[in-house]
Protein backbone atom coordinates (compact mmCIF):
# COMPACT_ATOMS: atom_id res chain seq x y z
CA UNK A 1 112.81 147.63 107.89
CA UNK A 2 110.79 148.03 104.74
CA UNK A 3 107.60 146.12 103.58
CA UNK A 4 109.26 144.05 101.04
CA UNK A 5 112.04 142.96 103.64
CA UNK A 6 109.25 141.88 106.23
CA UNK A 7 107.33 140.06 103.64
CA UNK A 8 110.91 138.05 102.14
CA UNK A 9 111.44 137.20 105.76
CA UNK A 10 108.07 135.77 106.10
CA UNK A 11 108.51 133.73 103.18
CA UNK A 12 111.98 132.55 104.24
CA UNK A 13 110.47 130.61 107.62
CA UNK A 14 108.50 128.47 105.18
CA UNK A 15 109.38 124.93 105.96
CA UNK A 16 113.37 123.87 104.58
CA UNK A 17 112.86 120.53 104.87
CA UNK A 18 111.18 119.91 102.16
CA UNK A 19 110.75 116.89 99.74
CA UNK A 20 112.16 118.53 97.11
CA UNK A 21 112.99 122.02 96.51
CA UNK A 22 115.08 123.82 93.78
CA UNK A 23 117.10 127.00 93.91
CA UNK A 24 117.59 128.60 90.64
CA UNK A 25 118.81 132.52 88.96
CA UNK A 26 118.37 133.91 86.20
CA UNK A 27 120.51 137.34 85.17
CA UNK A 28 119.49 139.64 82.21
CA UNK A 29 121.13 142.39 80.65
CA UNK A 30 119.35 144.51 78.34
CA UNK A 31 120.97 147.21 76.26
CA UNK A 32 118.66 148.83 74.03
CA UNK A 33 118.44 152.46 72.01
CA UNK A 34 115.34 154.75 71.85
CA UNK A 35 114.58 158.33 71.78
CA UNK A 36 113.32 160.21 74.95
CA UNK A 37 110.63 162.78 75.10
CA UNK A 38 112.47 165.46 73.50
CA UNK A 39 113.20 163.06 70.22
CA UNK A 40 117.07 162.69 71.21
CA UNK A 41 118.61 159.40 71.05
CA UNK A 42 119.10 157.50 74.36
CA UNK A 43 121.08 154.61 75.46
CA UNK A 44 119.65 152.42 78.57
CA UNK A 45 120.99 149.81 80.10
CA UNK A 46 119.00 147.50 82.32
CA UNK A 47 120.31 144.72 84.33
CA UNK A 48 118.04 142.16 86.61
CA UNK A 49 119.29 139.42 88.81
CA UNK A 50 116.04 137.14 89.91
CA UNK A 51 116.55 134.70 92.44
CA UNK A 52 113.90 131.85 92.69
CA UNK A 53 113.14 129.24 94.99
CA UNK A 54 110.49 126.21 94.65
CA UNK A 55 109.51 123.51 96.93
CA UNK A 56 106.94 121.26 97.94
CA UNK A 57 106.39 119.06 101.21
CA UNK A 58 103.15 116.78 100.81
CA UNK A 59 100.17 118.27 99.37
CA UNK A 60 102.21 121.88 99.80
CA UNK A 61 104.26 123.32 97.78
CA UNK A 62 105.41 127.23 97.07
CA UNK A 63 107.50 129.53 95.10
CA UNK A 64 109.30 132.64 95.71
CA UNK A 65 110.75 134.75 92.74
CA UNK A 66 113.02 137.89 94.12
CA UNK A 67 114.58 140.55 91.59
CA UNK A 68 117.24 143.17 92.17
CA UNK A 69 117.22 145.78 88.87
CA UNK A 70 119.48 148.07 87.99
CA UNK A 71 118.89 150.70 85.06
CA UNK A 72 121.37 153.33 83.89
CA UNK A 73 121.57 155.67 81.18
CA UNK A 74 119.33 157.90 78.97
CA UNK A 75 115.83 157.30 80.03
CA UNK A 76 116.37 158.39 83.54
CA UNK A 77 118.04 161.57 82.48
CA UNK A 78 114.35 162.46 80.69
CA UNK A 79 112.53 163.97 83.50
CA UNK A 80 109.07 162.85 82.11
CA UNK A 81 110.26 159.06 81.20
CA UNK A 82 112.36 159.17 84.78
CA UNK A 83 108.94 159.71 86.39
CA UNK A 84 107.58 156.79 84.19
CA UNK A 85 110.15 154.40 84.83
CA UNK A 86 110.19 154.83 88.82
CA UNK A 87 106.15 154.75 89.08
CA UNK A 88 105.36 152.02 91.34
CA UNK A 89 103.91 148.93 89.70
CA UNK A 90 99.79 148.41 90.02
CA UNK A 91 100.11 145.84 92.47
CA UNK A 92 97.92 145.54 95.79
CA UNK A 93 100.86 144.11 97.84
CA UNK A 94 103.77 147.10 98.37
CA UNK A 95 106.34 144.49 97.54
CA UNK A 96 108.94 147.05 95.93
CA UNK A 97 111.29 149.08 96.89
CA UNK A 98 113.66 152.08 95.46
CA UNK A 99 117.31 151.77 97.09
CA UNK A 100 118.84 154.52 95.11
CA UNK A 101 117.57 156.89 92.52
CA UNK A 102 119.52 159.88 90.66
CA UNK A 103 119.71 160.99 86.90
CA UNK A 104 122.39 158.22 86.10
CA UNK A 105 121.03 155.16 88.30
CA UNK A 106 118.13 153.57 89.55
CA UNK A 107 118.50 150.39 91.92
CA UNK A 108 115.41 148.91 93.61
CA UNK A 109 114.33 145.22 94.29
CA UNK A 110 110.88 143.49 94.41
CA UNK A 111 108.84 140.74 94.80
CA UNK A 112 108.14 138.99 91.16
CA UNK A 113 106.23 135.80 92.59
CA UNK A 114 105.53 134.68 95.86
CA UNK A 115 102.89 132.15 96.43
CA UNK A 116 102.09 129.12 98.54
CA UNK A 117 99.70 126.12 97.70
CA UNK A 118 97.63 123.17 98.74
CA UNK A 119 96.71 120.39 96.26
CA UNK A 120 94.59 117.35 97.30
CA UNK A 121 91.89 115.12 95.21
CA UNK A 122 91.40 117.75 92.34
CA UNK A 123 91.32 120.73 94.36
CA UNK A 124 94.19 123.43 94.71
CA UNK A 125 94.18 126.55 96.63
CA UNK A 126 96.79 129.31 95.65
CA UNK A 127 97.37 132.45 97.39
CA UNK A 128 100.01 134.98 96.85
CA UNK A 129 101.77 137.02 93.91
CA UNK A 130 100.89 134.53 91.20
CA UNK A 131 100.45 134.45 87.39
CA UNK A 132 96.70 134.01 86.41
CA UNK A 133 97.24 132.62 82.79
CA UNK A 134 93.68 133.10 80.73
CA UNK A 135 93.48 133.25 77.13
CA UNK A 136 94.45 131.46 74.41
CA UNK A 137 95.40 134.41 71.91
CA UNK A 138 98.97 134.53 70.79
CA UNK A 139 98.81 138.38 70.70
CA UNK A 140 95.80 139.71 72.34
CA UNK A 141 94.30 137.87 75.36
CA UNK A 142 90.77 140.27 76.21
CA UNK A 143 89.99 137.57 78.41
CA UNK A 144 93.35 138.09 81.02
CA UNK A 145 91.72 140.83 82.97
CA UNK A 146 94.27 140.20 85.95
CA UNK A 147 97.58 140.09 83.66
CA UNK A 148 97.06 141.93 80.48
CA UNK A 149 100.27 142.44 78.66
CA UNK A 150 100.55 144.54 75.66
CA UNK A 151 102.46 142.66 72.55
CA UNK A 152 104.50 146.21 72.08
CA UNK A 153 105.97 145.72 75.73
CA UNK A 154 109.92 145.91 75.73
CA UNK A 155 109.44 142.67 77.52
CA UNK A 156 106.51 140.77 76.93
CA UNK A 157 107.62 137.64 78.94
CA UNK A 158 107.76 139.55 82.09
CA UNK A 159 104.22 139.28 83.16
CA UNK A 160 103.54 141.17 86.75
CA UNK A 161 101.71 138.87 88.95
CA UNK A 162 98.36 139.86 90.56
CA UNK A 163 98.20 139.40 94.44
CA UNK A 164 95.40 136.91 94.27
CA UNK A 165 93.12 133.94 96.36
CA UNK A 166 92.93 131.27 93.42
CA UNK A 167 90.86 128.28 94.10
CA UNK A 168 90.64 125.43 91.46
CA UNK A 169 88.49 122.28 91.14
CA UNK A 170 89.10 119.42 88.65
CA UNK A 171 86.20 117.11 88.07
CA UNK A 172 88.24 115.40 85.46
CA UNK A 173 91.54 115.08 83.71
CA UNK A 174 89.88 117.81 81.10
CA UNK A 175 87.57 119.96 83.03
CA UNK A 176 87.19 122.08 86.24
CA UNK A 177 86.15 125.19 87.77
CA UNK A 178 88.62 128.14 89.12
CA UNK A 179 87.67 130.93 90.82
CA UNK A 180 90.25 134.38 91.46
CA UNK A 181 89.68 136.68 93.96
CA UNK A 182 91.94 139.86 94.22
CA UNK A 183 91.60 142.78 96.54
CA UNK A 184 92.23 146.40 95.43
CA UNK A 185 94.14 149.26 96.45
CA UNK A 186 93.39 152.98 95.11
CA UNK A 187 97.09 153.91 96.03
CA UNK A 188 98.55 151.49 93.74
CA UNK A 189 95.70 152.18 90.97
CA UNK A 190 94.56 148.49 91.53
CA UNK A 191 90.85 147.59 91.76
CA UNK A 192 89.15 144.61 93.11
CA UNK A 193 88.47 141.82 91.10
CA UNK A 194 86.62 138.66 91.25
CA UNK A 195 86.23 135.73 88.24
CA UNK A 196 84.67 132.44 87.93
CA UNK A 197 85.84 130.44 85.23
CA UNK A 198 84.90 126.90 83.97
CA UNK A 199 86.72 124.86 81.25
CA UNK A 200 86.39 121.65 79.53
CA UNK A 201 87.33 119.71 76.16
CA UNK A 202 85.29 118.09 73.87
CA UNK A 203 87.03 115.82 71.27
CA UNK A 204 89.53 118.41 69.74
CA UNK A 205 87.68 121.54 71.22
CA UNK A 206 88.71 123.16 74.30
CA UNK A 207 86.00 125.49 75.81
CA UNK A 208 85.89 127.93 78.55
CA UNK A 209 83.30 130.31 79.82
CA UNK A 210 83.79 133.11 82.46
CA UNK A 211 82.02 135.67 84.31
CA UNK A 212 83.05 138.34 86.87
CA UNK A 213 83.65 141.82 88.31
CA UNK A 214 86.77 143.71 87.44
CA UNK A 215 86.60 147.18 89.60
CA UNK A 216 82.97 148.49 88.51
CA UNK A 217 82.78 146.35 85.38
CA UNK A 218 80.49 143.23 85.26
CA UNK A 219 81.98 140.99 82.80
CA UNK A 220 81.23 137.65 80.60
CA UNK A 221 83.42 135.75 78.30
CA UNK A 222 84.60 132.70 76.41
CA UNK A 223 87.70 131.32 75.15
CA UNK A 224 87.65 128.57 72.48
CA UNK A 225 90.57 126.68 70.87
CA UNK A 226 90.49 123.86 68.62
CA UNK A 227 92.16 122.23 65.42
CA UNK A 228 90.86 122.07 61.71
CA UNK A 229 93.01 119.97 59.76
CA UNK A 230 96.73 120.90 60.08
CA UNK A 231 95.92 124.51 61.83
CA UNK A 232 94.74 125.42 64.82
CA UNK A 233 92.05 128.26 65.41
CA UNK A 234 91.18 130.07 68.64
CA UNK A 235 88.74 132.99 69.53
CA UNK A 236 88.68 134.95 72.95
CA UNK A 237 85.56 137.28 73.60
CA UNK A 238 85.09 139.41 76.79
CA UNK A 239 81.74 141.63 77.34
CA UNK A 240 81.76 144.47 80.01
CA UNK A 241 78.71 146.45 81.24
CA UNK A 242 79.42 149.81 83.11
CA UNK A 243 76.75 152.35 81.78
CA UNK A 244 76.75 150.86 78.71
CA UNK A 245 78.12 147.59 76.88
CA UNK A 246 81.32 147.10 75.44
CA UNK A 247 83.53 144.44 74.14
CA UNK A 248 86.59 143.11 73.17
CA UNK A 249 87.32 140.01 70.94
CA UNK A 250 90.39 138.29 69.32
CA UNK A 251 90.49 135.51 66.69
CA UNK A 252 93.23 133.83 64.80
CA UNK A 253 94.79 130.84 63.33
CA UNK A 254 97.78 129.33 63.51
CA UNK A 255 99.97 126.81 61.31
CA UNK A 256 103.28 125.37 60.82
CA UNK A 257 104.32 124.91 57.36
CA UNK A 258 106.65 121.76 56.86
CA UNK A 259 108.30 121.96 53.08
CA UNK A 260 111.49 121.20 51.17
CA UNK A 261 112.29 125.15 51.70
CA UNK A 262 111.17 125.07 55.38
CA UNK A 263 112.09 121.36 56.74
CA UNK A 264 112.26 122.70 60.25
CA UNK A 265 108.60 124.19 59.90
CA UNK A 266 107.55 127.61 59.48
CA UNK A 267 105.54 129.06 62.30
CA UNK A 268 102.65 131.31 60.83
CA UNK A 269 99.88 132.77 62.79
CA UNK A 270 97.12 135.40 61.92
CA UNK A 271 95.17 137.14 64.33
CA UNK A 272 92.49 140.08 64.55
CA UNK A 273 91.35 142.01 67.50
CA UNK A 274 88.18 144.23 67.73
CA UNK A 275 88.42 146.65 71.15
CA UNK A 276 85.17 148.19 71.64
CA UNK A 277 86.52 150.03 74.64
CA UNK A 278 88.54 152.77 72.86
CA UNK A 279 85.96 155.60 74.04
CA UNK A 280 86.17 154.03 77.55
CA UNK A 281 88.66 155.43 80.17
CA UNK A 282 91.96 153.66 80.32
CA UNK A 283 92.58 150.93 82.78
CA UNK A 284 95.82 149.16 83.85
CA UNK A 285 93.77 145.79 83.92
CA UNK A 286 92.33 146.01 80.34
CA UNK A 287 93.74 145.96 76.72
CA UNK A 288 94.21 149.49 75.43
CA UNK A 289 94.29 150.36 71.83
CA UNK A 290 93.62 153.96 69.96
CA UNK A 291 92.03 151.69 66.85
CA UNK A 292 89.13 149.97 67.13
CA UNK A 293 90.61 147.10 64.77
CA UNK A 294 93.64 145.56 64.41
CA UNK A 295 95.53 143.18 62.40
CA UNK A 296 98.55 140.89 63.81
CA UNK A 297 100.79 138.31 62.04
CA UNK A 298 103.49 136.14 63.75
CA UNK A 299 106.18 134.28 61.74
CA UNK A 300 108.98 131.92 63.55
CA UNK A 301 111.63 129.83 62.19
CA UNK A 302 114.61 127.82 63.21
CA UNK A 303 117.48 128.70 61.03
CA UNK A 304 119.51 126.04 62.98
CA UNK A 305 119.20 124.04 66.16
CA UNK A 306 121.45 127.12 67.98
CA UNK A 307 119.69 129.97 66.15
CA UNK A 308 115.84 131.11 65.89
CA UNK A 309 114.38 133.94 63.81
CA UNK A 310 111.00 135.49 65.05
CA UNK A 311 108.88 138.42 63.80
CA UNK A 312 105.53 140.06 64.64
CA UNK A 313 103.70 142.52 62.34
CA UNK A 314 100.82 144.71 63.82
CA UNK A 315 98.70 146.70 61.42
CA UNK A 316 96.00 149.39 62.06
CA UNK A 317 93.87 149.57 59.11
CA UNK A 318 91.83 152.68 60.26
CA UNK A 319 94.66 155.02 60.46
CA UNK A 320 97.20 153.29 58.20
CA UNK A 321 99.95 152.70 61.03
CA UNK A 322 101.89 149.66 61.70
CA UNK A 323 104.41 148.04 64.18
CA UNK A 324 107.01 145.88 62.93
CA UNK A 325 109.30 143.73 65.79
CA UNK A 326 111.93 141.08 64.90
CA UNK A 327 113.92 138.99 67.17
CA UNK A 328 116.93 137.08 66.37
CA UNK A 329 118.08 134.02 69.25
CA UNK A 330 121.40 132.27 69.88
CA UNK A 331 121.41 129.68 71.81
CA UNK A 332 125.01 130.31 73.00
CA UNK A 333 125.13 127.58 75.66
CA UNK A 334 122.81 125.40 77.50
CA UNK A 335 121.94 128.33 79.89
CA UNK A 336 122.77 131.14 78.23
CA UNK A 337 120.72 133.07 75.53
CA UNK A 338 121.53 135.93 73.57
CA UNK A 339 118.98 138.05 71.45
CA UNK A 340 119.22 140.83 69.25
CA UNK A 341 115.44 142.70 68.11
CA UNK A 342 114.26 145.88 67.06
CA UNK A 343 111.01 147.54 67.14
CA UNK A 344 110.12 149.69 64.44
CA UNK A 345 106.65 151.79 64.68
CA UNK A 346 105.11 153.71 61.55
CA UNK A 347 102.41 156.10 61.61
CA UNK A 348 101.33 159.85 62.11
CA UNK A 349 100.21 161.41 65.30
CA UNK A 350 97.05 160.29 66.94
CA UNK A 351 97.60 156.78 65.23
CA UNK A 352 97.69 153.33 67.01
CA UNK A 353 101.43 153.36 67.44
CA UNK A 354 102.50 156.83 67.24
CA UNK A 355 103.15 156.84 70.95
CA UNK A 356 105.80 154.07 70.61
CA UNK A 357 109.57 154.96 69.81
CA UNK A 358 111.82 152.83 67.47
CA UNK A 359 114.10 150.52 69.62
CA UNK A 360 117.20 148.71 68.78
CA UNK A 361 118.40 146.09 71.51
CA UNK A 362 120.64 143.54 72.34
CA UNK A 363 120.04 140.95 75.28
CA UNK A 364 121.86 138.26 77.31
CA UNK A 365 119.95 135.76 79.73
CA UNK A 366 122.21 133.52 81.96
CA UNK A 367 120.27 131.00 83.76
CA UNK A 368 122.19 129.01 86.68
CA UNK A 369 121.40 126.76 89.46
CA UNK A 370 122.31 127.59 93.09
């Protein structure tokens, strides 16, 4: 029996006589066209079935999310990309197995989320694979050193969780402390991490401060969000120490413009990212860029109650490269979404987005209850 099977069996012995429990599912099909390492056009079909069980009993609650994923087509026929696709996930707990791998099909299953939580009198303790959602940036989150996600990812909403112990104490409705401890394992490229974060609200301003150690790095940072007239502003900063100092910072504003031309409200956001770690060795738990300065623009508008158009433009002023992502979403039914999107990079060799390929994709998401 595999490690993942043993883990799932252990999770399922949790009490079924819960006060409340919910079993849901999500099926995703993502068909996309890109280019392989030889610049040949390649079509790939990704299918994912996710089953999620949530429940609570008294002061206890839990969540178990389990995936089966099938990948067909072009990326698997390229030896270089196939090695990347089948690479183990960077998690401490070995909770993923490949059931079949060939030049045409890769089939595997994994634990996406699996945690238990105890809550009482403003105190909460969570253990297991979870999402540590730190940072307020719309595009870049330098203070998120547990679950960093690149804005150019094919599925930016799929945020790999971290195997950790999370302890929270709320001393008021707005303020509290949170401590996170995550073990490391060299075989899975994960480093031991710990961080302590304090957050509170003062009038219309949210402030958070953190200190910690991420692998060999000592870190300290802050996160500030607030309102200015009808707009919102935000600033994230993280400073690291390891044989010298380097920092990462993101700051931006967002605003919803309502007018006779945009009666539903046109969402606009601008963000700047500074990366002082471009000369440092790459880490899976840190945002990686080739350029020290990047600018980002976001826009979104509800064309009708069922159709929405979103766009993101990333600019590298140092090398003159750019990355454009556009997404059109159609709510086919209450539980079915259809999405068409493109990712278009521009730039020369060595530029920020030169390693990205043009992607054209269509996606279907079907949500259901069990």
